[in-house]
């Protein structure tokens, strides 16, 4: 009888202890959750922030540059945007991105585009790009030597990348034909004003016609050039009839006009 009583007593005691352990476990778990949240440690998986697509960003810069350089009125435009570092993380912009280029003279070459996000947490980045602008220019159709006089057959028109070109290139064949070269020029090379000059059309000792305008009357006499002369230059001429030396302007090969 005594043994049965003791067995019942210990059974009830063990059952209460087990219930208390379960409740303690629940309290401990809840306490741990509270401490975790209040301590700033989030046990849930982190949500990745939205970032700008670098490919889309490059494409936007390409489109903006193409629109910007329409003002250059080039026959052909090549635009190359530098690839961005794949590790770059730019927060997605809620507002529309602002893309600015600054090349008012349309020089092309190495340029940068400023991309700006004007959200509450703004950011900006400079993206390098290369611009090649092609225009039609008259170029030499053959190799030519110093002193050669350029004719229409010595010129052909082709598309030329203006980037990196030195100043003074001539864009009209009219301004080239009939000029002589100060230095050699290679086939395909652009003509520049510094390379050209008026040709020498009168040489020392040449017989020339001296034209004298008196009102509506034009008088011609024979003379001899005392020096070389280009069109528009003033040189000394000896009148073969009077042996008098005068100054006259060269107007074409073999002809001068008194001043």
Protein backbone atom coordinates (compact mmCIF):
# COMPACT_ATOMS: atom_id res chain seq x y z
CA UNK A 1 0.00 0.00 0.00
CA UNK A 2 2.78 2.31 0.91
CA UNK A 3 4.67 1.51 -2.29
CA UNK A 4 1.61 2.31 -4.43
CA UNK A 5 1.22 5.68 -2.73
CA UNK A 6 4.85 6.56 -3.34
CA UNK A 7 4.62 5.60 -7.01
CA UNK A 8 1.58 7.85 -7.48
CA UNK A 9 3.31 10.75 -5.71
CA UNK A 10 6.45 10.61 -7.85
CA UNK A 11 4.39 10.27 -11.05
CA UNK A 12 2.44 13.45 -10.31
CA UNK A 13 5.61 15.28 -9.39
CA UNK A 14 7.32 14.27 -12.65
CA UNK A 15 4.29 15.36 -14.70
CA UNK A 16 4.27 18.85 -13.15
CA UNK A 17 7.98 19.17 -13.66
CA UNK A 18 7.63 18.29 -17.34
CA UNK A 19 4.84 20.89 -17.75
CA UNK A 20 6.95 23.52 -16.06
CA UNK A 21 9.86 22.70 -18.36
CA UNK A 22 7.66 23.16 -21.44
CA UNK A 23 6.41 26.53 -20.18
CA UNK A 24 9.95 27.62 -19.37
CA UNK A 25 11.04 26.64 -22.86
CA UNK A 26 8.27 28.79 -24.38
CA UNK A 27 9.21 31.74 -22.21
CA UNK A 28 12.88 31.34 -23.07
CA UNK A 29 12.12 31.21 -26.82
CA UNK A 30 9.91 34.34 -26.62
CA UNK A 31 12.56 36.16 -24.60
CA UNK A 32 15.21 35.23 -27.15
CA UNK A 33 13.06 36.58 -30.01
CA UNK A 34 12.48 39.87 -28.15
CA UNK A 35 16.20 40.27 -27.45
CA UNK A 36 17.07 39.47 -31.06
CA UNK A 37 14.74 42.10 -32.53
CA UNK A 38 15.53 44.77 -29.95
CA UNK A 39 19.25 44.21 -30.49
CA UNK A 40 19.00 44.97 -34.22
CA UNK A 41 19.86 41.45 -35.35
CA UNK A 42 17.32 40.26 -37.90
CA UNK A 43 17.14 36.53 -38.21
CA UNK A 44 14.96 36.70 -41.36
CA UNK A 45 16.65 36.68 -44.79
CA UNK A 46 17.79 40.19 -45.86
CA UNK A 47 15.89 41.82 -48.77
CA UNK A 48 18.31 43.00 -51.50
CA UNK A 49 18.08 46.73 -52.37
CA UNK A 50 17.12 47.65 -55.97
CA UNK A 51 20.06 48.92 -58.03
CA UNK A 52 20.39 50.53 -61.45
CA UNK A 53 21.17 48.22 -64.35
CA UNK A 54 24.61 49.23 -65.61
CA UNK A 55 23.75 48.03 -69.12
CA UNK A 56 20.64 50.18 -69.15
CA UNK A 57 22.65 53.13 -67.85
CA UNK A 58 25.20 52.78 -70.66
CA UNK A 59 22.39 52.49 -73.21
CA UNK A 60 20.77 55.68 -71.87
CA UNK A 61 24.07 57.56 -72.18
CA UNK A 62 24.50 56.23 -75.75
CA UNK A 63 21.03 57.45 -76.73
CA UNK A 64 21.53 60.85 -75.11
CA UNK A 65 24.90 61.32 -76.84
CA UNK A 66 23.40 60.37 -80.22
CA UNK A 67 20.70 62.99 -79.77
CA UNK A 68 23.18 65.61 -78.53
CA UNK A 69 25.58 65.22 -81.46
CA UNK A 70 22.84 65.64 -84.05
CA UNK A 71 23.70 69.32 -83.63
CA UNK A 72 27.13 68.64 -85.15
CA UNK A 73 25.43 67.91 -88.52
CA UNK A 74 28.06 65.29 -89.27
CA UNK A 75 27.56 62.83 -92.13
CA UNK A 76 28.30 59.97 -89.76
CA UNK A 77 28.71 59.69 -85.97
CA UNK A 78 30.26 56.82 -84.01
CA UNK A 79 29.68 56.71 -80.24
CA UNK A 80 31.41 54.31 -77.85
CA UNK A 81 30.49 54.33 -74.14
CA UNK A 82 33.05 52.89 -71.72
CA UNK A 83 31.99 49.72 -69.90
CA UNK A 84 31.26 50.31 -66.21
CA UNK A 85 32.81 48.26 -63.40
CA UNK A 86 30.43 45.36 -62.72
CA UNK A 87 31.01 45.83 -58.97
CA UNK A 88 29.44 49.29 -59.11
CA UNK A 89 26.18 49.47 -57.14
CA UNK A 90 23.98 52.50 -57.84
CA UNK A 91 20.66 52.74 -56.04
CA UNK A 92 17.71 52.72 -58.41
CA UNK A 93 16.53 56.28 -59.06
CA UNK A 94 12.83 57.01 -58.54
CA UNK A 95 13.03 60.28 -60.47
CA UNK A 96 14.17 60.46 -64.08
CA UNK A 97 17.94 60.44 -64.49
CA UNK A 98 19.57 63.62 -65.78
CA UNK A 99 22.31 63.07 -68.39
CA UNK A 100 24.47 66.06 -69.35
CA UNK A 101 27.17 66.42 -72.02
CA UNK A 102 29.36 69.50 -72.43
CA UNK A 103 30.90 69.78 -75.90
CA UNK A 104 29.44 73.00 -77.36
CA UNK A 105 31.94 73.11 -80.25
CA UNK A 106 31.21 69.47 -81.15
CA UNK A 107 34.89 68.55 -81.09
CA UNK A 108 34.14 64.91 -80.29
CA UNK A 109 37.01 62.70 -79.16
CA UNK A 110 37.23 61.77 -75.47
CA UNK A 111 34.23 63.16 -73.59
CA UNK A 112 32.35 62.49 -70.34
CA UNK A 113 28.64 62.33 -69.60
CA UNK A 114 27.41 63.41 -66.16
CA UNK A 115 24.61 61.12 -64.95
CA UNK A 116 22.73 62.48 -61.94
CA UNK A 117 19.97 61.12 -59.72
CA UNK A 118 18.13 63.84 -57.76
CA UNK A 119 16.25 61.63 -55.30
CA UNK A 120 16.21 62.30 -51.55
CA UNK A 121 19.49 60.38 -51.42
CA UNK A 122 21.09 61.79 -54.60
CA UNK A 123 24.06 60.38 -56.47
CA UNK A 124 26.02 61.24 -59.60
CA UNK A 125 28.63 59.58 -61.80
CA UNK A 126 30.80 60.60 -64.76
CA UNK A 127 30.81 58.07 -67.59
CA UNK A 128 33.58 58.35 -70.24
CA UNK A 129 32.73 57.97 -73.92
CA UNK A 130 34.43 58.45 -77.28
CA UNK A 131 32.88 60.41 -80.14
CA UNK A 132 33.97 60.18 -83.79
CA UNK A 133 32.42 62.75 -86.14
CA UNK A 134 32.78 62.20 -89.89
CA UNK A 135 32.44 65.01 -92.44
CA UNK A 136 32.93 65.16 -96.21
CA UNK A 137 36.28 66.75 -97.11
CA UNK A 138 38.19 67.14 -100.37
CA UNK A 139 41.39 65.09 -100.16
CA UNK A 140 44.32 64.48 -102.48
CA UNK A 141 43.61 61.77 -105.05
CA UNK A 142 47.36 61.15 -105.53
CA UNK A 143 50.71 61.92 -103.97
CA UNK A 144 51.74 65.46 -104.91
CA UNK A 145 55.06 67.30 -104.63
CA UNK A 146 55.91 70.76 -103.42
CA UNK A 147 55.17 73.36 -106.09
CA UNK A 148 52.52 71.27 -107.86
CA UNK A 149 49.44 73.23 -108.87
CA UNK A 150 46.24 71.46 -107.79
CA UNK A 151 43.69 70.74 -110.50
CA UNK A 152 40.16 69.31 -110.23
CA UNK A 153 41.52 65.86 -111.11
CA UNK A 154 43.81 65.95 -108.07
CA UNK A 155 40.86 66.07 -105.68
CA UNK A 156 38.34 63.51 -104.47
CA UNK A 157 35.72 63.79 -101.72
CA UNK A 158 35.58 61.32 -98.84
CA UNK A 159 34.33 60.98 -95.26
CA UNK A 160 37.00 62.05 -92.78
CA UNK A 161 37.01 61.62 -89.00
CA UNK A 162 37.42 65.19 -87.78
CA UNK A 163 38.53 64.09 -84.30
CA UNK A 164 42.18 64.91 -83.80
CA UNK A 165 42.43 66.79 -87.08
CA UNK A 166 44.60 69.88 -87.01
CA UNK A 167 42.97 73.24 -87.64
CA UNK A 168 42.79 74.77 -91.09
CA UNK A 169 41.39 71.88 -93.13
CA UNK A 170 39.59 73.12 -96.24
CA UNK A 171 36.05 71.87 -96.90
CA UNK A 172 35.52 73.28 -100.41
CA UNK A 173 37.35 72.21 -103.57
CA UNK A 174 36.86 75.72 -105.00
CA UNK A 175 39.33 77.04 -102.44
CA UNK A 176 41.94 74.45 -103.49
CA UNK A 177 41.90 74.29 -107.29
CA UNK A 178 44.56 76.46 -108.88
CA UNK A 179 46.66 76.73 -105.70
CA UNK A 180 50.20 75.40 -105.46
CA UNK A 181 51.56 73.23 -102.67
CA UNK A 182 54.02 74.63 -100.16
CA UNK A 183 54.95 71.10 -99.13
CA UNK A 184 54.19 67.56 -100.34
CA UNK A 185 50.82 65.96 -99.68
CA UNK A 186 49.98 62.25 -99.61
CA UNK A 187 47.07 60.50 -101.30
CA UNK A 188 43.98 60.65 -99.08
CA UNK A 189 45.30 63.54 -96.99
CA UNK A 190 43.08 66.52 -96.21
CA UNK A 191 44.09 69.86 -97.75
CA UNK A 192 44.88 72.61 -95.25
CA UNK A 193 45.20 76.32 -95.81
CA UNK A 194 48.77 76.33 -94.47
CA UNK A 195 49.77 73.87 -97.22
CA UNK A 196 48.53 76.01 -100.10
CA UNK A 197 49.49 79.27 -101.72
CA UNK A 198 48.78 81.09 -104.92
CA UNK A 199 51.03 79.71 -107.68
CA UNK A 200 53.81 81.72 -109.29
CA UNK A 201 52.31 82.60 -112.66
CA UNK A 202 54.89 85.18 -113.72
CA UNK A 203 58.61 84.50 -113.52
CA UNK A 204 61.50 86.88 -113.76
CA UNK A 205 62.37 87.54 -117.44
CA UNK A 206 58.90 86.57 -118.72
CA UNK A 207 57.34 88.74 -121.39
CA UNK A 208 54.05 90.12 -120.09
CA UNK A 209 51.19 92.32 -121.25
CA UNK A 210 50.90 95.56 -119.26
CA UNK A 211 47.26 96.60 -119.03
CA UNK A 212 46.48 100.23 -118.26
CA UNK A 213 42.90 101.32 -117.65
CA UNK A 214 42.10 104.96 -118.42
CA UNK A 215 38.39 105.51 -117.87
CA UNK A 216 36.58 103.23 -120.27
CA UNK A 217 39.69 102.79 -122.39
CA UNK A 218 42.13 99.90 -121.83
CA UNK A 219 45.64 100.21 -123.22
CA UNK A 220 48.04 97.27 -123.53
CA UNK A 221 51.79 97.42 -123.89
CA UNK A 222 54.64 94.92 -123.76
CA UNK A 223 56.89 94.52 -120.75
CA UNK A 224 59.38 92.24 -119.01
CA UNK A 225 58.98 90.89 -115.47
CA UNK A 226 61.81 91.91 -113.15
CA UNK A 227 60.83 89.33 -110.48
CA UNK A 228 58.57 86.35 -109.86
CA UNK A 229 54.94 87.00 -109.01
CA UNK A 230 51.77 85.25 -107.83
CA UNK A 231 48.25 86.38 -108.66
CA UNK A 232 47.49 89.46 -106.60
CA UNK A 233 51.13 90.27 -105.89
CA UNK A 234 52.74 93.55 -106.95
CA UNK A 235 56.03 93.18 -108.84
CA UNK A 236 58.40 95.33 -110.87
CA UNK A 237 57.85 95.41 -114.63
CA UNK A 238 60.02 97.10 -117.27
CA UNK A 239 58.10 98.75 -120.11
CA UNK A 240 59.87 97.50 -123.23
CA UNK A 241 59.01 100.64 -125.20
CA UNK A 242 60.15 103.26 -122.69
CA UNK A 243 62.53 101.13 -120.58
CA UNK A 244 60.73 102.61 -117.59
CA UNK A 245 60.34 100.29 -114.54
CA UNK A 246 56.91 100.41 -112.91
CA UNK A 247 55.01 98.49 -110.20
CA UNK A 248 52.12 96.37 -111.46
CA UNK A 249 49.75 93.76 -110.05
CA UNK A 250 49.79 90.21 -111.42
CA UNK A 251 46.28 89.34 -112.62
CA UNK A 252 46.98 86.06 -114.43
CA UNK A 253 49.77 84.19 -116.16
CA UNK A 254 51.47 86.60 -118.60
CA UNK A 255 49.39 89.66 -117.63
CA UNK A 256 49.84 92.52 -115.15
CA UNK A 257 47.84 95.65 -114.43
CA UNK A 258 49.26 99.07 -113.65
CA UNK A 259 48.46 100.55 -110.26
